[in-house]
Amino acid sequence: MPPLQRLREAANLTQAQLASRIPDKSRTKTLSRQVISGWERGEYEPELTIPQVKALCRALGVTLDDLPDDFGLPKSPET
């Protein structure tokens, strides 16, 4: 299970609920469920602003030190 998914589920949040608690970079809207899903699947790395990181920590009930370096599943080595 991806690290972000573990934290999200421990906080009893769906992807949509977590997304709704994190502002987008313009601070006029919130992130989409698809963004959270992409992070969890390791499709792309999050590029978060400081306010977004703070919101993510608040939503998950964790500190910055508790956030994983990688949100998604580990990438398999290419052979």
N, C-alpha and C. Protein backbone atom coordinates (compact mmCIF):
# COMPACT_ATOMS: atom_id res chain seq x y z
N MET A 1 0.85 -1.18 0.00
CA MET A 1 0.00 0.00 0.00
C MET A 1 0.89 1.24 0.00
N PRO A 2 0.58 2.22 -0.83
CA PRO A 2 1.39 3.45 -0.88
C PRO A 2 1.36 4.19 0.47
N PRO A 3 2.47 4.82 0.84
CA PRO A 3 2.54 5.53 2.12
C PRO A 3 1.46 6.59 2.31
N LEU A 4 1.17 7.36 1.27
CA LEU A 4 0.14 8.39 1.41
C LEU A 4 -1.22 7.75 1.65
N GLN A 5 -1.50 6.67 0.97
CA GLN A 5 -2.77 5.97 1.17
C GLN A 5 -2.89 5.47 2.61
N ARG A 6 -1.81 4.94 3.16
CA ARG A 6 -1.82 4.48 4.56
C ARG A 6 -2.17 5.62 5.51
N LEU A 7 -1.52 6.76 5.31
CA LEU A 7 -1.80 7.92 6.17
C LEU A 7 -3.23 8.41 5.98
N ARG A 8 -3.68 8.45 4.74
CA ARG A 8 -5.03 8.93 4.44
C ARG A 8 -6.08 8.02 5.08
N GLU A 9 -5.90 6.72 4.94
CA GLU A 9 -6.86 5.79 5.51
C GLU A 9 -6.81 5.80 7.04
N ALA A 10 -5.63 6.01 7.62
CA ALA A 10 -5.52 6.12 9.07
C ALA A 10 -6.28 7.35 9.59
N ALA A 11 -6.38 8.37 8.74
CA ALA A 11 -7.12 9.58 9.09
C ALA A 11 -8.60 9.46 8.72
N ASN A 12 -9.01 8.27 8.24
CA ASN A 12 -10.40 8.01 7.83
C ASN A 12 -10.89 8.99 6.78
N LEU A 13 -10.05 9.24 5.78
CA LEU A 13 -10.40 10.15 4.69
C LEU A 13 -10.42 9.41 3.37
N THR A 14 -11.35 9.78 2.50
CA THR A 14 -11.32 9.31 1.12
C THR A 14 -10.37 10.21 0.35
N GLN A 15 -10.05 9.81 -0.86
CA GLN A 15 -9.21 10.67 -1.70
C GLN A 15 -9.90 12.02 -1.91
N ALA A 16 -11.20 12.00 -2.15
CA ALA A 16 -11.94 13.25 -2.39
C ALA A 16 -11.93 14.14 -1.15
N GLN A 17 -12.10 13.54 0.02
CA GLN A 17 -12.09 14.33 1.25
C GLN A 17 -10.73 14.96 1.50
N LEU A 18 -9.67 14.20 1.27
CA LEU A 18 -8.33 14.76 1.44
C LEU A 18 -8.09 15.89 0.45
N ALA A 19 -8.45 15.66 -0.80
CA ALA A 19 -8.26 16.68 -1.83
C ALA A 19 -8.99 17.97 -1.48
N SER A 20 -10.18 17.85 -0.92
CA SER A 20 -10.98 19.04 -0.60
C SER A 20 -10.39 19.87 0.53
N ARG A 21 -9.42 19.33 1.23
CA ARG A 21 -8.80 20.05 2.35
C ARG A 21 -7.47 20.70 1.98
N ILE A 22 -7.05 20.52 0.72
CA ILE A 22 -5.77 21.08 0.28
C ILE A 22 -6.03 22.11 -0.81
N PRO A 23 -5.65 23.37 -0.59
CA PRO A 23 -5.89 24.39 -1.62
C PRO A 23 -4.99 24.17 -2.83
N ASP A 24 -5.49 24.61 -3.99
CA ASP A 24 -4.61 24.57 -5.17
C ASP A 24 -3.62 25.73 -5.04
N LYS A 25 -2.71 25.83 -5.98
CA LYS A 25 -1.66 26.86 -5.87
C LYS A 25 -2.20 28.28 -5.91
N SER A 26 -3.37 28.46 -6.54
CA SER A 26 -3.96 29.80 -6.59
C SER A 26 -4.72 30.14 -5.31
N ARG A 27 -4.93 29.12 -4.48
CA ARG A 27 -5.69 29.25 -3.23
C ARG A 27 -7.14 29.64 -3.46
N THR A 28 -7.66 29.45 -4.67
CA THR A 28 -9.06 29.77 -4.95
C THR A 28 -9.92 28.52 -5.04
N LYS A 29 -9.29 27.38 -5.21
CA LYS A 29 -10.00 26.10 -5.30
C LYS A 29 -9.24 25.09 -4.46
N THR A 30 -9.69 23.84 -4.52
CA THR A 30 -8.96 22.77 -3.85
C THR A 30 -8.49 21.77 -4.89
N LEU A 31 -7.63 20.86 -4.47
CA LEU A 31 -7.14 19.83 -5.38
C LEU A 31 -8.27 18.87 -5.74
N SER A 32 -8.05 18.09 -6.77
CA SER A 32 -9.05 17.10 -7.19
C SER A 32 -8.68 15.72 -6.64
N ARG A 33 -9.66 14.84 -6.61
CA ARG A 33 -9.43 13.47 -6.20
C ARG A 33 -8.41 12.80 -7.10
N GLN A 34 -8.43 13.17 -8.39
CA GLN A 34 -7.50 12.59 -9.35
C GLN A 34 -6.04 12.92 -9.01
N VAL A 35 -5.81 14.09 -8.46
CA VAL A 35 -4.45 14.47 -8.06
C VAL A 35 -3.97 13.55 -6.94
N ILE A 36 -4.81 13.35 -5.93
CA ILE A 36 -4.45 12.48 -4.82
C ILE A 36 -4.21 11.06 -5.33
N SER A 37 -5.07 10.59 -6.20
CA SER A 37 -4.93 9.26 -6.78
C SER A 37 -3.61 9.12 -7.54
N GLY A 38 -3.26 10.14 -8.31
CA GLY A 38 -2.00 10.13 -9.06
C GLY A 38 -0.79 10.07 -8.15
N TRP A 39 -0.85 10.80 -7.03
CA TRP A 39 0.24 10.75 -6.06
C TRP A 39 0.37 9.35 -5.49
N GLU A 40 -0.78 8.78 -5.10
CA GLU A 40 -0.75 7.46 -4.47
C GLU A 40 -0.26 6.38 -5.43
N ARG A 41 -0.58 6.50 -6.69
CA ARG A 41 -0.14 5.51 -7.68
C ARG A 41 1.28 5.78 -8.14
N GLY A 42 1.87 6.89 -7.73
CA GLY A 42 3.23 7.22 -8.12
C GLY A 42 3.33 7.70 -9.55
N GLU A 43 2.21 8.18 -10.11
CA GLU A 43 2.22 8.67 -11.49
C GLU A 43 3.05 9.93 -11.62
N TYR A 44 3.03 10.76 -10.60
CA TYR A 44 3.84 11.97 -10.61
C TYR A 44 4.12 12.41 -9.19
N GLU A 45 5.19 13.15 -9.05
CA GLU A 45 5.60 13.67 -7.75
C GLU A 45 4.83 14.95 -7.44
N PRO A 46 4.38 15.10 -6.21
CA PRO A 46 3.71 16.35 -5.85
C PRO A 46 4.69 17.51 -5.79
N GLU A 47 4.25 18.64 -6.25
CA GLU A 47 5.02 19.88 -6.12
C GLU A 47 4.15 20.82 -5.30
N LEU A 48 4.34 20.77 -3.99
CA LEU A 48 3.46 21.48 -3.07
C LEU A 48 4.08 22.78 -2.58
N THR A 49 3.22 23.77 -2.39
CA THR A 49 3.63 25.02 -1.75
C THR A 49 3.62 24.80 -0.24
N ILE A 50 4.20 25.72 0.50
CA ILE A 50 4.19 25.62 1.97
C ILE A 50 2.76 25.57 2.51
N PRO A 51 1.83 26.44 2.06
CA PRO A 51 0.46 26.33 2.56
C PRO A 51 -0.18 24.97 2.24
N GLN A 52 0.16 24.39 1.11
CA GLN A 52 -0.39 23.09 0.76
C GLN A 52 0.17 22.00 1.68
N VAL A 53 1.45 22.06 1.98
CA VAL A 53 2.06 21.08 2.88
C VAL A 53 1.42 21.19 4.26
N LYS A 54 1.23 22.42 4.74
CA LYS A 54 0.59 22.61 6.04
C LYS A 54 -0.82 22.03 6.04
N ALA A 55 -1.57 22.28 4.98
CA ALA A 55 -2.94 21.76 4.88
C ALA A 55 -2.94 20.24 4.84
N LEU A 56 -1.99 19.66 4.11
CA LEU A 56 -1.88 18.20 4.03
C LEU A 56 -1.60 17.61 5.41
N CYS A 57 -0.65 18.20 6.13
CA CYS A 57 -0.33 17.72 7.47
C CYS A 57 -1.53 17.83 8.41
N ARG A 58 -2.23 18.96 8.36
CA ARG A 58 -3.42 19.14 9.20
C ARG A 58 -4.48 18.09 8.87
N ALA A 59 -4.73 17.89 7.59
CA ALA A 59 -5.77 16.94 7.16
C ALA A 59 -5.44 15.52 7.60
N LEU A 60 -4.17 15.16 7.54
CA LEU A 60 -3.76 13.80 7.89
C LEU A 60 -3.48 13.64 9.39
N GLY A 61 -3.40 14.76 10.10
CA GLY A 61 -3.10 14.71 11.52
C GLY A 61 -1.68 14.27 11.81
N VAL A 62 -0.74 14.73 10.96
CA VAL A 62 0.66 14.35 11.10
C VAL A 62 1.54 15.60 11.09
N THR A 63 2.80 15.42 11.46
CA THR A 63 3.77 16.50 11.36
C THR A 63 4.51 16.38 10.03
N LEU A 64 5.27 17.38 9.70
CA LEU A 64 6.07 17.35 8.48
C LEU A 64 7.02 16.16 8.49
N ASP A 65 7.58 15.86 9.65
CA ASP A 65 8.50 14.72 9.75
C ASP A 65 7.81 13.39 9.48
N ASP A 66 6.50 13.33 9.68
CA ASP A 66 5.75 12.09 9.45
C ASP A 66 5.45 11.85 7.98
N LEU A 67 5.53 12.91 7.16
CA LEU A 67 5.22 12.73 5.73
C LEU A 67 6.31 11.90 5.07
N PRO A 68 5.91 10.96 4.22
CA PRO A 68 6.91 10.15 3.52
C PRO A 68 7.60 10.96 2.44
N ASP A 69 8.82 10.58 2.11
CA ASP A 69 9.54 11.25 1.02
C ASP A 69 8.86 10.97 -0.32
N ASP A 70 8.35 9.76 -0.48
CA ASP A 70 7.62 9.37 -1.69
C ASP A 70 6.21 8.99 -1.28
N PHE A 71 5.21 9.54 -1.98
CA PHE A 71 3.82 9.28 -1.64
C PHE A 71 3.30 7.98 -2.23
N GLY A 72 3.86 7.59 -3.38
CA GLY A 72 3.34 6.44 -4.11
C GLY A 72 4.12 5.17 -3.83
N LEU A 73 3.77 4.15 -4.58
CA LEU A 73 4.46 2.87 -4.49
C LEU A 73 5.89 3.02 -4.97
N PRO A 74 6.81 2.26 -4.41
CA PRO A 74 8.19 2.31 -4.89
C PRO A 74 8.26 1.91 -6.36
N LYS A 75 9.10 2.59 -7.07
CA LYS A 75 9.27 2.28 -8.49
C LYS A 75 10.11 1.01 -8.62
N SER A 76 9.70 0.13 -9.52
CA SER A 76 10.48 -1.10 -9.71
C SER A 76 11.69 -0.79 -10.58
N PRO A 77 12.82 -1.39 -10.26
CA PRO A 77 14.02 -1.13 -11.07
C PRO A 77 13.86 -1.69 -12.47
N GLU A 78 14.36 -0.94 -13.44
CA GLU A 78 14.27 -1.40 -14.83
C GLU A 78 15.35 -2.45 -15.07
N THR A 79 14.97 -3.45 -15.84
CA THR A 79 15.94 -4.51 -16.14
C THR A 79 16.34 -4.46 -17.58
